[in-house]
Protein backbone atom coordinates (compact mmCIF):
# COMPACT_ATOMS: atom_id res chain seq x y z
CA UNK A 1 0.02 0.14 -0.06
CA UNK A 2 2.79 2.36 0.75
CA UNK A 3 4.28 1.74 -2.84
CA UNK A 4 1.02 2.70 -4.50
CA UNK A 5 0.73 6.14 -2.70
CA UNK A 6 4.32 7.06 -3.34
CA UNK A 7 3.97 5.76 -6.70
CA UNK A 8 0.66 7.80 -7.50
CA UNK A 9 2.11 11.13 -5.65
CA UNK A 10 5.34 10.54 -8.31
CA UNK A 11 2.63 10.61 -10.78
CA UNK A 12 0.75 13.21 -9.95
CA UNK A 13 4.02 15.41 -9.50
CA UNK A 14 5.16 14.64 -12.85
CA UNK A 15 1.75 15.77 -14.41
CA UNK A 16 2.10 19.07 -12.67
CA UNK A 17 5.62 19.08 -14.34
CA UNK A 18 4.14 18.61 -17.63
CA UNK A 19 1.51 21.30 -17.30
CA UNK A 20 3.77 23.80 -16.69
CA UNK A 21 6.08 22.68 -19.14
CA UNK A 22 3.05 22.48 -21.56
CA UNK A 23 2.62 26.09 -21.62
CA UNK A 24 5.87 26.48 -23.41
CA UNK A 25 5.36 23.25 -25.45
CA UNK A 26 1.97 24.48 -26.25
CA UNK A 27 3.32 27.72 -27.40
CA UNK A 28 5.56 25.81 -29.67
CA UNK A 29 3.08 23.67 -31.21
CA UNK A 30 0.73 26.68 -31.94
CA UNK A 31 3.74 28.23 -33.73
CA UNK A 32 4.57 24.86 -35.61
CA UNK A 33 1.01 24.68 -36.42
CA UNK A 34 0.91 28.28 -38.05
CA UNK A 35 3.77 27.68 -39.83
CA UNK A 36 2.59 24.78 -41.52
CA UNK A 37 -0.98 26.36 -42.22
CA UNK A 38 0.84 29.08 -43.85
CA UNK A 39 3.09 26.61 -46.12
CA UNK A 40 -0.34 25.03 -46.90
CA UNK A 41 -2.37 28.07 -47.84
CA UNK A 42 0.68 29.76 -50.09
CA UNK A 43 2.51 27.07 -51.84
CA UNK A 44 6.21 27.66 -51.52
CA UNK A 45 7.85 29.45 -54.20
CA UNK A 46 11.47 29.56 -55.54
CA UNK A 47 13.33 32.44 -55.05
């Protein structure tokens, strides 16, 4: 039982950490999505 509790606490800690880092990551994902959308909307033109 003690092991289960410490494991759960560890999982919760990880989730909180992920959420914190998620803000930064989410920003990058949004940026990437926008870049991809731009590429799709405007076909690449050779300079």
